[in-house]
Amino acid sequence: MTVKEVCEALGGEIQCEGDGAREITGATAGDLLSFVMGTALEGAAWVTVQAHLNVAAVAVLKDLPLIIIAAGRKAPDDLIERCKTENITIISVPDTLYGTCVKLAGLGLKG
């Protein structure tokens, strides 16, 4: 499943369009950045409610092509700008973190 396909399935608002053709290998969820750094698999979609610049640094470090910001939160401009330079997609979805994870599981993505 590609970044574009996951975004289309989730709906929501794309705040930064990265490489939509990139393959998503799975999913991870968490708001503690050190936890995500230690556990996320490369190529996964990341579901979080964190919306600050450090999120981009973790996504780059773990090679995460898709950041899904749950609960209707929006990425600030500095996060969007950084993700543009790194070709990372950011989507804001109205669902809760749990609800978003349920949808990703329904798409067949494993955590």
PDB file of N, CA and C in Angstrom:
ATOM      1  N   MET A   1       0.852  -1.172   0.000  1.00  0.00           N
ATOM      2  CA  MET A   1       0.000   0.000   0.000  1.00  0.00           C
ATOM      3  C   MET A   1       0.901   1.240   0.000  1.00  0.00           C
ATOM      4  N   THR A   2       0.531   2.221  -0.815  1.00  0.00           N
ATOM      5  CA  THR A   2       1.364   3.421  -0.911  1.00  0.00           C
ATOM      6  C   THR A   2       0.888   4.513   0.056  1.00  0.00           C
ATOM      7  N   VAL A   3       1.726   5.531   0.200  1.00  0.00           N
ATOM      8  CA  VAL A   3       1.360   6.686   1.021  1.00  0.00           C
ATOM      9  C   VAL A   3       0.060   7.291   0.498  1.00  0.00           C
ATOM     10  N   LYS A   4      -0.041   7.462  -0.800  1.00  0.00           N
ATOM     11  CA  LYS A   4      -1.236   8.062  -1.396  1.00  0.00           C
ATOM     12  C   LYS A   4      -2.478   7.229  -1.101  1.00  0.00           C
ATOM     13  N   GLU A   5      -2.369   5.921  -1.215  1.00  0.00           N
ATOM     14  CA  GLU A   5      -3.521   5.042  -0.962  1.00  0.00           C
ATOM     15  C   GLU A   5      -3.954   5.108   0.497  1.00  0.00           C
ATOM     16  N   VAL A   6      -2.999   5.163   1.408  1.00  0.00           N
ATOM     17  CA  VAL A   6      -3.332   5.262   2.833  1.00  0.00           C
ATOM     18  C   VAL A   6      -4.041   6.592   3.097  1.00  0.00           C
ATOM     19  N   CYS A   7      -3.524   7.665   2.523  1.00  0.00           N
ATOM     20  CA  CYS A   7      -4.133   8.989   2.725  1.00  0.00           C
ATOM     21  C   CYS A   7      -5.555   9.015   2.183  1.00  0.00           C
ATOM     22  N   GLU A   8      -5.759   8.446   1.020  1.00  0.00           N
ATOM     23  CA  GLU A   8      -7.106   8.414   0.435  1.00  0.00           C
ATOM     24  C   GLU A   8      -8.061   7.614   1.320  1.00  0.00           C
ATOM     25  N   ALA A   9      -7.585   6.515   1.886  1.00  0.00           N
ATOM     26  CA  ALA A   9      -8.430   5.672   2.729  1.00  0.00           C
ATOM     27  C   ALA A   9      -8.790   6.362   4.044  1.00  0.00           C
ATOM     28  N   LEU A  10      -7.874   7.164   4.565  1.00  0.00           N
ATOM     29  CA  LEU A  10      -8.116   7.831   5.845  1.00  0.00           C
ATOM     30  C   LEU A  10      -8.921   9.116   5.696  1.00  0.00           C
ATOM     31  N   GLY A  11      -8.880   9.717   4.506  1.00  0.00           N
ATOM     32  CA  GLY A  11      -9.516  11.027   4.355  1.00  0.00           C
ATOM     33  C   GLY A  11      -8.669  12.052   5.082  1.00  0.00           C
ATOM     34  N   GLY A  12      -9.283  13.040   5.641  1.00  0.00           N
ATOM     35  CA  GLY A  12      -8.516  14.053   6.365  1.00  0.00           C
ATOM     36  C   GLY A  12      -7.918  15.076   5.430  1.00  0.00           C
ATOM     37  N   GLU A  13      -7.025  15.872   5.970  1.00  0.00           N
ATOM     38  CA  GLU A  13      -6.428  16.985   5.236  1.00  0.00           C
ATOM     39  C   GLU A  13      -4.933  16.752   5.057  1.00  0.00           C
ATOM     40  N   ILE A  14      -4.486  16.704   3.812  1.00  0.00           N
ATOM     41  CA  ILE A  14      -3.055  16.571   3.565  1.00  0.00           C
ATOM     42  C   ILE A  14      -2.425  17.938   3.780  1.00  0.00           C
ATOM     43  N   GLN A  15      -1.520  18.013   4.741  1.00  0.00           N
ATOM     44  CA  GLN A  15      -0.867  19.284   5.065  1.00  0.00           C
ATOM     45  C   GLN A  15       0.475  19.427   4.382  1.00  0.00           C
ATOM     46  N   CYS A  16       1.065  18.304   4.019  1.00  0.00           N
ATOM     47  CA  CYS A  16       2.338  18.328   3.302  1.00  0.00           C
ATOM     48  C   CYS A  16       2.359  17.098   2.402  1.00  0.00           C
ATOM     49  N   GLU A  17       2.545  17.327   1.122  1.00  0.00           N
ATOM     50  CA  GLU A  17       2.532  16.216   0.190  1.00  0.00           C
ATOM     51  C   GLU A  17       3.959  15.774  -0.099  1.00  0.00           C
ATOM     52  N   GLY A  18       4.283  14.575   0.350  1.00  0.00           N
ATOM     53  CA  GLY A  18       5.610  14.022   0.097  1.00  0.00           C
ATOM     54  C   GLY A  18       5.557  13.058  -1.075  1.00  0.00           C
ATOM     55  N   ASP A  19       6.280  11.975  -0.981  1.00  0.00           N
ATOM     56  CA  ASP A  19       6.323  10.967  -2.030  1.00  0.00           C
ATOM     57  C   ASP A  19       5.129  10.030  -1.882  1.00  0.00           C
ATOM     58  N   GLY A  20       4.067  10.301  -2.639  1.00  0.00           N
ATOM     59  CA  GLY A  20       2.842   9.513  -2.545  1.00  0.00           C
ATOM     60  C   GLY A  20       2.989   8.096  -3.062  1.00  0.00           C
ATOM     61  N   ALA A  21       4.004   7.840  -3.857  1.00  0.00           N
ATOM     62  CA  ALA A  21       4.209   6.504  -4.420  1.00  0.00           C
ATOM     63  C   ALA A  21       5.006   5.593  -3.485  1.00  0.00           C
ATOM     64  N   ARG A  22       5.508   6.161  -2.423  1.00  0.00           N
ATOM     65  CA  ARG A  22       6.328   5.374  -1.492  1.00  0.00           C
ATOM     66  C   ARG A  22       5.500   4.290  -0.820  1.00  0.00           C
ATOM     67  N   GLU A  23       6.051   3.112  -0.719  1.00  0.00           N
ATOM     68  CA  GLU A  23       5.373   1.969  -0.111  1.00  0.00           C
ATOM     69  C   GLU A  23       5.405   2.081   1.416  1.00  0.00           C
ATOM     70  N   ILE A  24       4.256   1.819   2.046  1.00  0.00           N
ATOM     71  CA  ILE A  24       4.155   1.802   3.507  1.00  0.00           C
ATOM     72  C   ILE A  24       4.332   0.350   3.962  1.00  0.00           C
ATOM     73  N   THR A  25       5.247   0.130   4.876  1.00  0.00           N
ATOM     74  CA  THR A  25       5.568  -1.232   5.311  1.00  0.00           C
ATOM     75  C   THR A  25       4.778  -1.684   6.532  1.00  0.00           C
ATOM     76  N   GLY A  26       4.148  -0.744   7.226  1.00  0.00           N
ATOM     77  CA  GLY A  26       3.412  -1.063   8.445  1.00  0.00           C
ATOM     78  C   GLY A  26       3.011   0.232   9.112  1.00  0.00           C
ATOM     79  N   ALA A  27       2.710   0.153  10.396  1.00  0.00           N
ATOM     80  CA  ALA A  27       2.296   1.356  11.104  1.00  0.00           C
ATOM     81  C   ALA A  27       2.818   1.322  12.534  1.00  0.00           C
ATOM     82  N   THR A  28       3.000   2.499  13.077  1.00  0.00           N
ATOM     83  CA  THR A  28       3.370   2.630  14.479  1.00  0.00           C
ATOM     84  C   THR A  28       2.558   3.774  15.068  1.00  0.00           C
ATOM     85  N   ALA A  29       2.334   3.731  16.365  1.00  0.00           N
ATOM     86  CA  ALA A  29       1.585   4.793  17.032  1.00  0.00           C
ATOM     87  C   ALA A  29       2.292   5.150  18.319  1.00  0.00           C
ATOM     88  N   GLY A  30       2.336   6.434  18.604  1.00  0.00           N
ATOM     89  CA  GLY A  30       2.937   6.861  19.850  1.00  0.00           C
ATOM     90  C   GLY A  30       3.232   8.341  19.837  1.00  0.00           C
ATOM     91  N   ASP A  31       3.276   8.889  21.034  1.00  0.00           N
ATOM     92  CA  ASP A  31       3.555  10.312  21.185  1.00  0.00           C
ATOM     93  C   ASP A  31       4.882  10.577  21.870  1.00  0.00           C
ATOM     94  N   LEU A  32       5.462   9.542  22.445  1.00  0.00           N
ATOM     95  CA  LEU A  32       6.760   9.681  23.088  1.00  0.00           C
ATOM     96  C   LEU A  32       7.839   9.470  22.029  1.00  0.00           C
ATOM     97  N   LEU A  33       8.525  10.542  21.679  1.00  0.00           N
ATOM     98  CA  LEU A  33       9.448  10.494  20.549  1.00  0.00           C
ATOM     99  C   LEU A  33      10.531   9.431  20.724  1.00  0.00           C
ATOM    100  N   SER A  34      11.059   9.271  21.917  1.00  0.00           N
ATOM    101  CA  SER A  34      12.107   8.273  22.138  1.00  0.00           C
ATOM    102  C   SER A  34      11.563   6.856  21.939  1.00  0.00           C
ATOM    103  N   PHE A  35      10.307   6.644  22.284  1.00  0.00           N
ATOM    104  CA  PHE A  35       9.676   5.350  22.059  1.00  0.00           C
ATOM    105  C   PHE A  35       9.602   5.051  20.562  1.00  0.00           C
ATOM    106  N   VAL A  36       9.171   6.026  19.794  1.00  0.00           N
ATOM    107  CA  VAL A  36       9.056   5.839  18.341  1.00  0.00           C
ATOM    108  C   VAL A  36      10.441   5.627  17.736  1.00  0.00           C
ATOM    109  N   MET A  37      11.429   6.380  18.217  1.00  0.00           N
ATOM    110  CA  MET A  37      12.794   6.188  17.712  1.00  0.00           C
ATOM    111  C   MET A  37      13.282   4.768  17.982  1.00  0.00           C
ATOM    112  N   GLY A  38      12.878   4.200  19.104  1.00  0.00           N
ATOM    113  CA  GLY A  38      13.353   2.874  19.473  1.00  0.00           C
ATOM    114  C   GLY A  38      12.567   1.719  18.884  1.00  0.00           C
ATOM    115  N   THR A  39      11.336   1.981  18.457  1.00  0.00           N
ATOM    116  CA  THR A  39      10.491   0.852  18.054  1.00  0.00           C
ATOM    117  C   THR A  39       9.955   0.898  16.620  1.00  0.00           C
ATOM    118  N   ALA A  40       9.874   2.061  16.015  1.00  0.00           N
ATOM    119  CA  ALA A  40       9.272   2.155  14.670  1.00  0.00           C
ATOM    120  C   ALA A  40      10.142   1.449  13.642  1.00  0.00           C
ATOM    121  N   LEU A  41       9.497   0.748  12.745  1.00  0.00           N
ATOM    122  CA  LEU A  41      10.201   0.101  11.645  1.00  0.00           C
ATOM    123  C   LEU A  41      10.304   1.066  10.479  1.00  0.00           C
ATOM    124  N   GLU A  42      11.406   1.039   9.778  1.00  0.00           N
ATOM    125  CA  GLU A  42      11.592   1.926   8.626  1.00  0.00           C
ATOM    126  C   GLU A  42      10.475   1.713   7.615  1.00  0.00           C
ATOM    127  N   GLY A  43       9.998   2.801   7.068  1.00  0.00           N
ATOM    128  CA  GLY A  43       8.961   2.748   6.048  1.00  0.00           C
ATOM    129  C   GLY A  43       7.548   2.718   6.588  1.00  0.00           C
ATOM    130  N   ALA A  44       7.394   2.801   7.898  1.00  0.00           N
ATOM    131  CA  ALA A  44       6.059   2.725   8.497  1.00  0.00           C
ATOM    132  C   ALA A  44       5.358   4.082   8.479  1.00  0.00           C
ATOM    133  N   ALA A  45       4.035   4.031   8.573  1.00  0.00           N
ATOM    134  CA  ALA A  45       3.236   5.225   8.822  1.00  0.00           C
ATOM    135  C   ALA A  45       3.225   5.452  10.324  1.00  0.00           C
ATOM    136  N   TRP A  46       3.299   6.718  10.738  1.00  0.00           N
ATOM    137  CA  TRP A  46       3.356   7.043  12.172  1.00  0.00           C
ATOM    138  C   TRP A  46       2.119   7.839  12.546  1.00  0.00           C
ATOM    139  N   VAL A  47       1.371   7.318  13.519  1.00  0.00           N
ATOM    140  CA  VAL A  47       0.182   7.998  14.027  1.00  0.00           C
ATOM    141  C   VAL A  47       0.541   8.634  15.362  1.00  0.00           C
ATOM    142  N   THR A  48       0.256   9.918  15.486  1.00  0.00           N
ATOM    143  CA  THR A  48       0.598  10.652  16.699  1.00  0.00           C
ATOM    144  C   THR A  48      -0.345  11.838  16.876  1.00  0.00           C
ATOM    145  N   VAL A  49      -0.359  12.401  18.068  1.00  0.00           N
ATOM    146  CA  VAL A  49      -1.025  13.685  18.265  1.00  0.00           C
ATOM    147  C   VAL A  49       0.013  14.789  18.462  1.00  0.00           C
ATOM    148  N   GLN A  50       1.288  14.399  18.441  1.00  0.00           N
ATOM    149  CA  GLN A  50       2.363  15.393  18.542  1.00  0.00           C
ATOM    150  C   GLN A  50       2.405  16.214  17.252  1.00  0.00           C
ATOM    151  N   ALA A  51       2.520  17.493  17.388  1.00  0.00           N
ATOM    152  CA  ALA A  51       2.555  18.364  16.205  1.00  0.00           C
ATOM    153  C   ALA A  51       3.585  19.464  16.442  1.00  0.00           C
ATOM    154  N   HIS A  52       4.841  19.070  16.451  1.00  0.00           N
ATOM    155  CA  HIS A  52       5.910  20.054  16.574  1.00  0.00           C
ATOM    156  C   HIS A  52       7.113  19.614  15.750  1.00  0.00           C
ATOM    157  N   LEU A  53       8.057  20.486  15.595  1.00  0.00           N
ATOM    158  CA  LEU A  53       9.174  20.280  14.676  1.00  0.00           C
ATOM    159  C   LEU A  53       9.957  18.999  14.942  1.00  0.00           C
ATOM    160  N   ASN A  54      10.084  18.589  16.190  1.00  0.00           N
ATOM    161  CA  ASN A  54      10.869  17.388  16.504  1.00  0.00           C
ATOM    162  C   ASN A  54      10.288  16.118  15.885  1.00  0.00           C
ATOM    163  N   VAL A  55       9.013  16.155  15.537  1.00  0.00           N
ATOM    164  CA  VAL A  55       8.390  15.002  14.880  1.00  0.00           C
ATOM    165  C   VAL A  55       9.103  14.724  13.547  1.00  0.00           C
ATOM    166  N   ALA A  56       9.450  15.759  12.829  1.00  0.00           N
ATOM    167  CA  ALA A  56      10.144  15.586  11.550  1.00  0.00           C
ATOM    168  C   ALA A  56      11.502  14.924  11.761  1.00  0.00           C
ATOM    169  N   ALA A  57      12.203  15.313  12.802  1.00  0.00           N
ATOM    170  CA  ALA A  57      13.524  14.728  13.059  1.00  0.00           C
ATOM    171  C   ALA A  57      13.421  13.225  13.302  1.00  0.00           C
ATOM    172  N   VAL A  58      12.406  12.806  14.043  1.00  0.00           N
ATOM    173  CA  VAL A  58      12.214  11.378  14.298  1.00  0.00           C
ATOM    174  C   VAL A  58      11.829  10.655  13.006  1.00  0.00           C
ATOM    175  N   ALA A  59      10.958  11.270  12.218  1.00  0.00           N
ATOM    176  CA  ALA A  59      10.549  10.650  10.942  1.00  0.00           C
ATOM    177  C   ALA A  59      11.748  10.473  10.012  1.00  0.00           C
ATOM    178  N   VAL A  60      12.623  11.448   9.982  1.00  0.00           N
ATOM    179  CA  VAL A  60      13.820  11.350   9.138  1.00  0.00           C
ATOM    180  C   VAL A  60      14.732  10.244   9.670  1.00  0.00           C
ATOM    181  N   LEU A  61      14.955  10.241  10.969  1.00  0.00           N
ATOM    182  CA  LEU A  61      15.832   9.246  11.591  1.00  0.00           C
ATOM    183  C   LEU A  61      15.365   7.824  11.318  1.00  0.00           C
ATOM    184  N   LYS A  62      14.054   7.589  11.369  1.00  0.00           N
ATOM    185  CA  LYS A  62      13.500   6.247  11.194  1.00  0.00           C
ATOM    186  C   LYS A  62      13.012   5.981   9.773  1.00  0.00           C
ATOM    187  N   ASP A  63      13.201   6.953   8.877  1.00  0.00           N
ATOM    188  CA  ASP A  63      12.768   6.814   7.478  1.00  0.00           C
ATOM    189  C   ASP A  63      11.274   6.508   7.406  1.00  0.00           C
ATOM    190  N   LEU A  64      10.474   7.352   8.076  1.00  0.00           N
ATOM    191  CA  LEU A  64       9.015   7.203   8.086  1.00  0.00           C
ATOM    192  C   LEU A  64       8.437   8.169   7.051  1.00  0.00           C
ATOM    193  N   PRO A  65       7.823   7.658   5.979  1.00  0.00           N
ATOM    194  CA  PRO A  65       7.366   8.532   4.895  1.00  0.00           C
ATOM    195  C   PRO A  65       6.025   9.209   5.130  1.00  0.00           C
ATOM    196  N   LEU A  66       5.304   8.801   6.190  1.00  0.00           N
ATOM    197  CA  LEU A  66       3.958   9.337   6.422  1.00  0.00           C
ATOM    198  C   LEU A  66       3.738   9.591   7.905  1.00  0.00           C
ATOM    199  N   ILE A  67       3.421  10.843   8.224  1.00  0.00           N
ATOM    200  CA  ILE A  67       3.052  11.218   9.585  1.00  0.00           C
ATOM    201  C   ILE A  67       1.560  11.507   9.581  1.00  0.00           C
ATOM    202  N   ILE A  68       0.833  10.804  10.431  1.00  0.00           N
ATOM    203  CA  ILE A  68      -0.612  10.981  10.546  1.00  0.00           C
ATOM    204  C   ILE A  68      -0.872  11.644  11.891  1.00  0.00           C
ATOM    205  N   ILE A  69      -1.340  12.887  11.846  1.00  0.00           N
ATOM    206  CA  ILE A  69      -1.627  13.608  13.081  1.00  0.00           C
ATOM    207  C   ILE A  69      -3.113  13.443  13.369  1.00  0.00           C
ATOM    208  N   ALA A  70      -3.404  12.784  14.485  1.00  0.00           N
ATOM    209  CA  ALA A  70      -4.777  12.406  14.817  1.00  0.00           C
ATOM    210  C   ALA A  70      -5.477  13.480  15.652  1.00  0.00           C
ATOM    211  N   ALA A  71      -6.758  13.235  15.886  1.00  0.00           N
ATOM    212  CA  ALA A  71      -7.608  14.040  16.767  1.00  0.00           C
ATOM    213  C   ALA A  71      -7.799  15.470  16.266  1.00  0.00           C
ATOM    214  N   GLY A  72      -7.702  15.647  14.966  1.00  0.00           N
ATOM    215  CA  GLY A  72      -7.943  16.969  14.379  1.00  0.00           C
ATOM    216  C   GLY A  72      -6.848  17.985  14.606  1.00  0.00           C
ATOM    217  N   ARG A  73      -5.733  17.546  15.163  1.00  0.00           N
ATOM    218  CA  ARG A  73      -4.619  18.487  15.376  1.00  0.00           C
ATOM    219  C   ARG A  73      -3.961  18.805  14.046  1.00  0.00           C
ATOM    220  N   LYS A  74      -3.347  19.949  13.967  1.00  0.00           N
ATOM    221  CA  LYS A  74      -2.714  20.411  12.733  1.00  0.00           C
ATOM    222  C   LYS A  74      -1.207  20.604  12.946  1.00  0.00           C
ATOM    223  N   ALA A  75      -0.467  20.366  11.888  1.00  0.00           N
ATOM    224  CA  ALA A  75       0.977  20.588  11.934  1.00  0.00           C
ATOM    225  C   ALA A  75       1.262  22.082  11.845  1.00  0.00           C
ATOM    226  N   PRO A  76       2.194  22.568  12.635  1.00  0.00           N
ATOM    227  CA  PRO A  76       2.589  23.973  12.513  1.00  0.00           C
ATOM    228  C   PRO A  76       3.431  24.178  11.252  1.00  0.00           C
ATOM    229  N   ASP A  77       3.588  25.436  10.871  1.00  0.00           N
ATOM    230  CA  ASP A  77       4.299  25.759   9.630  1.00  0.00           C
ATOM    231  C   ASP A  77       5.726  25.214   9.607  1.00  0.00           C
ATOM    232  N   ASP A  78       6.446  25.283  10.735  1.00  0.00           N
ATOM    233  CA  ASP A  78       7.837  24.817  10.715  1.00  0.00           C
ATOM    234  C   ASP A  78       7.933  23.310  10.476  1.00  0.00           C
ATOM    235  N   LEU A  79       6.984  22.560  11.000  1.00  0.00           N
ATOM    236  CA  LEU A  79       6.959  21.110  10.748  1.00  0.00           C
ATOM    237  C   LEU A  79       6.642  20.836   9.279  1.00  0.00           C
ATOM    238  N   ILE A  80       5.702  21.560   8.733  1.00  0.00           N
ATOM    239  CA  ILE A  80       5.342  21.385   7.323  1.00  0.00           C
ATOM    240  C   ILE A  80       6.543  21.702   6.427  1.00  0.00           C
ATOM    241  N   GLU A  81       7.218  22.793   6.708  1.00  0.00           N
ATOM    242  CA  GLU A  81       8.379  23.179   5.885  1.00  0.00           C
ATOM    243  C   GLU A  81       9.480  22.140   5.948  1.00  0.00           C
ATOM    244  N   ARG A  82       9.747  21.630   7.130  1.00  0.00           N
ATOM    245  CA  ARG A  82      10.793  20.603   7.270  1.00  0.00           C
ATOM    246  C   ARG A  82      10.420  19.324   6.522  1.00  0.00           C
ATOM    247  N   CYS A  83       9.161  18.929   6.621  1.00  0.00           N
ATOM    248  CA  CYS A  83       8.729  17.713   5.940  1.00  0.00           C
ATOM    249  C   CYS A  83       8.756  17.893   4.420  1.00  0.00           C
ATOM    250  N   LYS A  84       8.518  19.100   3.941  1.00  0.00           N
ATOM    251  CA  LYS A  84       8.636  19.350   2.500  1.00  0.00           C
ATOM    252  C   LYS A  84      10.055  19.077   2.031  1.00  0.00           C
ATOM    253  N   THR A  85      11.024  19.527   2.792  1.00  0.00           N
ATOM    254  CA  THR A  85      12.416  19.324   2.398  1.00  0.00           C
ATOM    255  C   THR A  85      12.834  17.856   2.479  1.00  0.00           C
ATOM    256  N   GLU A  86      12.137  17.091   3.296  1.00  0.00           N
ATOM    257  CA  GLU A  86      12.481  15.674   3.486  1.00  0.00           C
ATOM    258  C   GLU A  86      11.570  14.741   2.699  1.00  0.00           C
ATOM    259  N   ASN A  87      10.604  15.306   1.950  1.00  0.00           N
ATOM    260  CA  ASN A  87       9.673  14.506   1.133  1.00  0.00           C
ATOM    261  C   ASN A  87       8.821  13.568   1.985  1.00  0.00           C
ATOM    262  N   ILE A  88       8.386  14.081   3.137  1.00  0.00           N
ATOM    263  CA  ILE A  88       7.537  13.320   4.062  1.00  0.00           C
ATOM    264  C   ILE A  88       6.119  13.885   3.984  1.00  0.00           C
ATOM    265  N   THR A  89       5.147  12.994   3.888  1.00  0.00           N
ATOM    266  CA  THR A  89       3.750  13.414   3.851  1.00  0.00           C
ATOM    267  C   THR A  89       3.209  13.583   5.270  1.00  0.00           C
ATOM    268  N   ILE A  90       2.440  14.643   5.463  1.00  0.00           N
ATOM    269  CA  ILE A  90       1.722  14.854   6.730  1.00  0.00           C
ATOM    270  C   ILE A  90       0.241  14.932   6.396  1.00  0.00           C
ATOM    271  N   ILE A  91      -0.543  14.159   7.127  1.00  0.00           N
ATOM    272  CA  ILE A  91      -1.993  14.245   6.993  1.00  0.00           C
ATOM    273  C   ILE A  91      -2.595  14.441   8.386  1.00  0.00           C
ATOM    274  N   SER A  92      -3.570  15.335   8.462  1.00  0.00           N
ATOM    275  CA  SER A  92      -4.307  15.567   9.701  1.00  0.00           C
ATOM    276  C   SER A  92      -5.664  14.895   9.561  1.00  0.00           C
ATOM    277  N   VAL A  93      -5.994  14.032  10.513  1.00  0.00           N
ATOM    278  CA  VAL A  93      -7.272  13.315  10.461  1.00  0.00           C
ATOM    279  C   VAL A  93      -8.107  13.653  11.697  1.00  0.00           C
ATOM    280  N   PRO A  94      -9.434  13.654  11.548  1.00  0.00           N
ATOM    281  CA  PRO A  94     -10.288  13.995  12.694  1.00  0.00           C
ATOM    282  C   PRO A  94     -10.427  12.866  13.703  1.00  0.00           C
ATOM    283  N   ASP A  95     -10.127  11.643  13.300  1.00  0.00           N
ATOM    284  CA  ASP A  95     -10.281  10.497  14.204  1.00  0.00           C
ATOM    285  C   ASP A  95      -9.280  10.557  15.353  1.00  0.00           C
ATOM    286  N   THR A  96      -9.634   9.884  16.430  1.00  0.00           N
ATOM    287  CA  THR A  96      -8.710   9.751  17.551  1.00  0.00           C
ATOM    288  C   THR A  96      -7.521   8.905  17.126  1.00  0.00           C
ATOM    289  N   LEU A  97      -6.513   8.889  17.945  1.00  0.00           N
ATOM    290  CA  LEU A  97      -5.351   8.038  17.661  1.00  0.00           C
ATOM    291  C   LEU A  97      -5.797   6.575  17.562  1.00  0.00           C
ATOM    292  N   TYR A  98      -6.632   6.150  18.501  1.00  0.00           N
ATOM    293  CA  TYR A  98      -7.131   4.769  18.482  1.00  0.00           C
ATOM    294  C   TYR A  98      -7.946   4.504  17.218  1.00  0.00           C
ATOM    295  N   GLY A  99      -8.871   5.394  16.909  1.00  0.00           N
ATOM    296  CA  GLY A  99      -9.699   5.217  15.719  1.00  0.00           C
ATOM    297  C   GLY A  99      -8.876   5.152  14.443  1.00  0.00           C
ATOM    298  N   THR A 100      -7.841   5.953  14.377  1.00  0.00           N
ATOM    299  CA  THR A 100      -6.963   5.936  13.209  1.00  0.00           C
ATOM    300  C   THR A 100      -6.233   4.598  13.109  1.00  0.00           C
ATOM    301  N   CYS A 101      -5.775   4.092  14.239  1.00  0.00           N
ATOM    302  CA  CYS A 101      -5.083   2.796  14.241  1.00  0.00           C
ATOM    303  C   CYS A 101      -6.023   1.670  13.813  1.00  0.00           C
ATOM    304  N   VAL A 102      -7.273   1.744  14.230  1.00  0.00           N
ATOM    305  CA  VAL A 102      -8.253   0.733  13.826  1.00  0.00           C
ATOM    306  C   VAL A 102      -8.417   0.762  12.309  1.00  0.00           C
ATOM    307  N   LYS A 103      -8.496   1.961  11.731  1.00  0.00           N
ATOM    308  CA  LYS A 103      -8.614   2.075  10.277  1.00  0.00           C
ATOM    309  C   LYS A 103      -7.381   1.509   9.566  1.00  0.00           C
ATOM    310  N   LEU A 104      -6.210   1.803  10.100  1.00  0.00           N
ATOM    311  CA  LEU A 104      -4.978   1.283   9.478  1.00  0.00           C
ATOM    312  C   LEU A 104      -4.934  -0.239   9.551  1.00  0.00           C
ATOM    313  N   ALA A 105      -5.375  -0.783  10.668  1.00  0.00           N
ATOM    314  CA  ALA A 105      -5.430  -2.245  10.793  1.00  0.00           C
ATOM    315  C   ALA A 105      -6.416  -2.818   9.780  1.00  0.00           C
ATOM    316  N   GLY A 106      -7.531  -2.124   9.565  1.00  0.00           N
ATOM    317  CA  GLY A 106      -8.512  -2.557   8.580  1.00  0.00           C
ATOM    318  C   GLY A 106      -7.962  -2.541   7.162  1.00  0.00           C
ATOM    319  N   LEU A 107      -6.961  -1.716   6.929  1.00  0.00           N
ATOM    320  CA  LEU A 107      -6.308  -1.665   5.617  1.00  0.00           C
ATOM    321  C   LEU A 107      -5.263  -2.772   5.459  1.00  0.00           C
ATOM    322  N   GLY A 108      -5.029  -3.492   6.539  1.00  0.00           N
ATOM    323  CA  GLY A 108      -4.069  -4.588   6.483  1.00  0.00           C
ATOM    324  C   GLY A 108      -2.669  -4.223   6.932  1.00  0.00           C
ATOM    325  N   LEU A 109      -2.515  -2.993   7.433  1.00  0.00           N
ATOM    326  CA  LEU A 109      -1.188  -2.586   7.919  1.00  0.00           C
ATOM    327  C   LEU A 109      -0.965  -3.155   9.313  1.00  0.00           C
ATOM    328  N   LYS A 110       0.181  -3.726   9.514  1.00  0.00           N
ATOM    329  CA  LYS A 110       0.516  -4.312  10.815  1.00  0.00           C
ATOM    330  C   LYS A 110       1.401  -3.360  11.608  1.00  0.00           C
ATOM    331  N   GLY A 111       1.228  -3.391  12.907  1.00  0.00           N
ATOM    332  CA  GLY A 111       2.010  -2.529  13.794  1.00  0.00           C
ATOM    333  C   GLY A 111       3.169  -3.238  14.403  1.00  0.00           C
TER     334      GLY A 111
END
